[in-house]
Amino acid sequence: MKKIYWHNERFRIYQIKQLLDDNQIPNFIKNEFAIGAIGELSPLDAMPEVWLTDETWYDKATQLIAQFNLVPENTARWVCNQCQEENEGSFALCWNCGNSASTTANEL
């Protein structure tokens, strides 16, 4: 068995587990319910982790996780045509008015 991934957000742990499950890579979550033991255990010992049950899948699993965690290429800031508010490039909608970034041509 080998630890492949850990994160303090349980949602991210479940995303990675599902990614591995979808690719038929045998895995399990360790410390899934240990968060309630913080105080008795150190926070690092109670952190949820994804482990592989078969280490031969390590390279494939690492590659899948790296692809999953890629930052979107379009990270240029943009200005909304509707309300003129500046938005981060990773936003698909204007945070202020909800206008779609695809209808906006003003990149900074």
C-alpha atoms as a PDB file:
ATOM      1  CA  MET A   1       0.000   0.000   0.000  1.00  0.00           C
ATOM      2  CA  LYS A   2       1.178   3.509  -0.773  1.00  0.00           C
ATOM      3  CA  LYS A   3      -0.174   6.967  -0.003  1.00  0.00           C
ATOM      4  CA  ILE A   4      -0.941   8.818  -3.226  1.00  0.00           C
ATOM      5  CA  TYR A   5      -2.766  11.989  -2.125  1.00  0.00           C
ATOM      6  CA  TRP A   6      -3.812  13.969   0.936  1.00  0.00           C
ATOM      7  CA  HIS A   7      -5.680  17.191   1.427  1.00  0.00           C
ATOM      8  CA  ASN A   8      -7.394  18.990   4.290  1.00  0.00           C
ATOM      9  CA  GLU A   9     -10.617  19.376   2.263  1.00  0.00           C
ATOM     10  CA  ARG A  10     -12.675  16.203   2.293  1.00  0.00           C
ATOM     11  CA  PHE A  11     -14.305  17.152  -1.035  1.00  0.00           C
ATOM     12  CA  ARG A  12     -10.909  17.057  -2.812  1.00  0.00           C
ATOM     13  CA  ILE A  13     -10.198  13.645  -1.307  1.00  0.00           C
ATOM     14  CA  TYR A  14     -13.480  12.283  -2.689  1.00  0.00           C
ATOM     15  CA  GLN A  15     -12.768  13.825  -6.110  1.00  0.00           C
ATOM     16  CA  ILE A  16      -9.418  12.039  -6.313  1.00  0.00           C
ATOM     17  CA  LYS A  17     -10.918   8.785  -5.062  1.00  0.00           C
ATOM     18  CA  GLN A  18     -13.631   8.993  -7.727  1.00  0.00           C
ATOM     19  CA  LEU A  19     -11.024   9.781 -10.409  1.00  0.00           C
ATOM     20  CA  LEU A  20      -9.066   6.660  -9.459  1.00  0.00           C
ATOM     21  CA  ASP A  21     -12.229   4.543  -9.199  1.00  0.00           C
ATOM     22  CA  ASP A  22     -13.322   5.676 -12.683  1.00  0.00           C
ATOM     23  CA  ASN A  23      -9.976   4.436 -14.013  1.00  0.00           C
ATOM     24  CA  GLN A  24     -10.218   1.102 -12.160  1.00  0.00           C
ATOM     25  CA  ILE A  25      -7.253   1.906  -9.912  1.00  0.00           C
ATOM     26  CA  PRO A  26      -7.682   0.147  -6.543  1.00  0.00           C
ATOM     27  CA  ASN A  27      -7.644   2.673  -3.680  1.00  0.00           C
ATOM     28  CA  PHE A  28      -9.161   3.575  -0.331  1.00  0.00           C
ATOM     29  CA  ILE A  29      -9.465   6.580   1.965  1.00  0.00           C
ATOM     30  CA  LYS A  30      -7.538   6.461   5.227  1.00  0.00           C
ATOM     31  CA  ASN A  31      -8.545   8.681   8.178  1.00  0.00           C
ATOM     32  CA  GLU A  32     -11.905   9.319   6.566  1.00  0.00           C
ATOM     33  CA  PHE A  33     -13.614   9.827   9.918  1.00  0.00           C
ATOM     34  CA  ALA A  34     -10.612  10.806  12.054  1.00  0.00           C
ATOM     35  CA  ILE A  35     -11.372  14.553  11.940  1.00  0.00           C
ATOM     36  CA  GLY A  36     -13.330  14.173  15.180  1.00  0.00           C
ATOM     37  CA  ALA A  37     -10.208  12.933  16.933  1.00  0.00           C
ATOM     38  CA  ILE A  38      -8.263  16.166  16.470  1.00  0.00           C
ATOM     39  CA  GLY A  39      -7.161  17.165  19.923  1.00  0.00           C
ATOM     40  CA  GLU A  40      -6.382  13.591  20.829  1.00  0.00           C
ATOM     41  CA  LEU A  41      -4.447  13.202  17.577  1.00  0.00           C
ATOM     42  CA  SER A  42      -2.353  15.797  15.804  1.00  0.00           C
ATOM     43  CA  PRO A  43      -4.142  17.420  12.852  1.00  0.00           C
ATOM     44  CA  LEU A  44      -1.592  15.862  10.499  1.00  0.00           C
ATOM     45  CA  ASP A  45      -2.390  12.383  11.820  1.00  0.00           C
ATOM     46  CA  ALA A  46      -6.115  12.941  11.268  1.00  0.00           C
ATOM     47  CA  MET A  47      -5.789  14.322   7.729  1.00  0.00           C
ATOM     48  CA  PRO A  48      -7.774  12.300   5.145  1.00  0.00           C
ATOM     49  CA  GLU A  49      -5.539  10.483   2.660  1.00  0.00           C
ATOM     50  CA  VAL A  50      -6.013   8.435  -0.507  1.00  0.00           C
ATOM     51  CA  TRP A  51      -3.966   5.234  -0.566  1.00  0.00           C
ATOM     52  CA  LEU A  52      -3.350   2.745  -3.361  1.00  0.00           C
ATOM     53  CA  THR A  53      -3.850  -0.895  -2.467  1.00  0.00           C
ATOM     54  CA  ASP A  54      -1.523  -1.931  -5.315  1.00  0.00           C
ATOM     55  CA  GLU A  55       1.688   0.109  -5.724  1.00  0.00           C
ATOM     56  CA  THR A  56       2.087  -0.927  -9.373  1.00  0.00           C
ATOM     57  CA  TRP A  57      -0.597   1.670 -10.201  1.00  0.00           C
ATOM     58  CA  TYR A  58       1.433   4.517  -8.639  1.00  0.00           C
ATOM     59  CA  ASP A  59       2.771   6.016 -11.908  1.00  0.00           C
ATOM     60  CA  LYS A  60      -0.610   5.915 -13.653  1.00  0.00           C
ATOM     61  CA  ALA A  61      -2.397   7.360 -10.594  1.00  0.00           C
ATOM     62  CA  THR A  62       0.164  10.158 -10.241  1.00  0.00           C
ATOM     63  CA  GLN A  63      -0.268  11.062 -13.910  1.00  0.00           C
ATOM     64  CA  LEU A  64      -4.076  11.158 -13.622  1.00  0.00           C
ATOM     65  CA  ILE A  65      -3.943  13.319 -10.498  1.00  0.00           C
ATOM     66  CA  ALA A  66      -1.488  15.736 -12.144  1.00  0.00           C
ATOM     67  CA  GLN A  67      -3.783  16.108 -15.172  1.00  0.00           C
ATOM     68  CA  PHE A  68      -6.795  16.590 -12.910  1.00  0.00           C
ATOM     69  CA  ASN A  69      -5.082  19.360 -10.929  1.00  0.00           C
ATOM     70  CA  LEU A  70      -4.030  21.408 -13.987  1.00  0.00           C
ATOM     71  CA  VAL A  71      -4.780  25.120 -13.810  1.00  0.00           C
ATOM     72  CA  PRO A  72      -6.916  26.356 -16.717  1.00  0.00           C
ATOM     73  CA  GLU A  73      -4.884  27.982 -19.482  1.00  0.00           C
ATOM     74  CA  ASN A  74      -7.115  31.058 -19.687  1.00  0.00           C
ATOM     75  CA  THR A  75      -5.981  32.953 -16.607  1.00  0.00           C
ATOM     76  CA  ALA A  76      -6.047  36.447 -18.135  1.00  0.00           C
ATOM     77  CA  ARG A  77      -8.158  38.937 -16.206  1.00  0.00           C
ATOM     78  CA  TRP A  78     -11.195  40.279 -18.050  1.00  0.00           C
ATOM     79  CA  VAL A  79     -13.616  43.206 -17.748  1.00  0.00           C
ATOM     80  CA  CYS A  80     -17.354  42.585 -17.906  1.00  0.00           C
ATOM     81  CA  ASN A  81     -19.136  44.388 -20.772  1.00  0.00           C
ATOM     82  CA  GLN A  82     -22.295  44.750 -18.695  1.00  0.00           C
ATOM     83  CA  CYS A  83     -21.061  46.239 -15.394  1.00  0.00           C
ATOM     84  CA  GLN A  84     -17.396  47.057 -16.177  1.00  0.00           C
ATOM     85  CA  GLU A  85     -16.188  44.979 -13.214  1.00  0.00           C
ATOM     86  CA  GLU A  86     -12.746  43.347 -13.364  1.00  0.00           C
ATOM     87  CA  ASN A  87     -12.740  39.533 -12.989  1.00  0.00           C
ATOM     88  CA  GLU A  88     -10.126  36.819 -12.554  1.00  0.00           C
ATOM     89  CA  GLY A  89      -9.415  34.748 -15.661  1.00  0.00           C
ATOM     90  CA  SER A  90     -10.637  31.580 -13.977  1.00  0.00           C
ATOM     91  CA  PHE A  91     -14.145  33.057 -13.564  1.00  0.00           C
ATOM     92  CA  ALA A  92     -16.611  31.966 -16.262  1.00  0.00           C
ATOM     93  CA  LEU A  93     -19.190  34.471 -14.987  1.00  0.00           C
ATOM     94  CA  CYS A  94     -18.798  38.003 -13.691  1.00  0.00           C
ATOM     95  CA  TRP A  95     -18.699  37.889  -9.900  1.00  0.00           C
ATOM     96  CA  ASN A  96     -20.699  41.131  -9.720  1.00  0.00           C
ATOM     97  CA  CYS A  97     -23.556  40.702 -12.222  1.00  0.00           C
ATOM     98  CA  GLY A  98     -23.343  37.136 -13.504  1.00  0.00           C
ATOM     99  CA  ASN A  99     -22.677  38.077 -17.135  1.00  0.00           C
ATOM    100  CA  SER A 100     -20.873  35.342 -19.091  1.00  0.00           C
ATOM    101  CA  ALA A 101     -17.170  35.763 -19.843  1.00  0.00           C
ATOM    102  CA  SER A 102     -17.739  34.358 -23.350  1.00  0.00           C
ATOM    103  CA  THR A 103     -19.759  37.473 -24.253  1.00  0.00           C
ATOM    104  CA  THR A 104     -16.949  39.706 -23.006  1.00  0.00           C
ATOM    105  CA  ALA A 105     -14.052  40.669 -25.287  1.00  0.00           C
ATOM    106  CA  ASN A 106     -12.181  43.030 -22.959  1.00  0.00           C
ATOM    107  CA  GLU A 107      -9.126  41.206 -21.589  1.00  0.00           C
ATOM    108  CA  LEU A 108      -6.613  43.032 -19.437  1.00  0.00           C
END
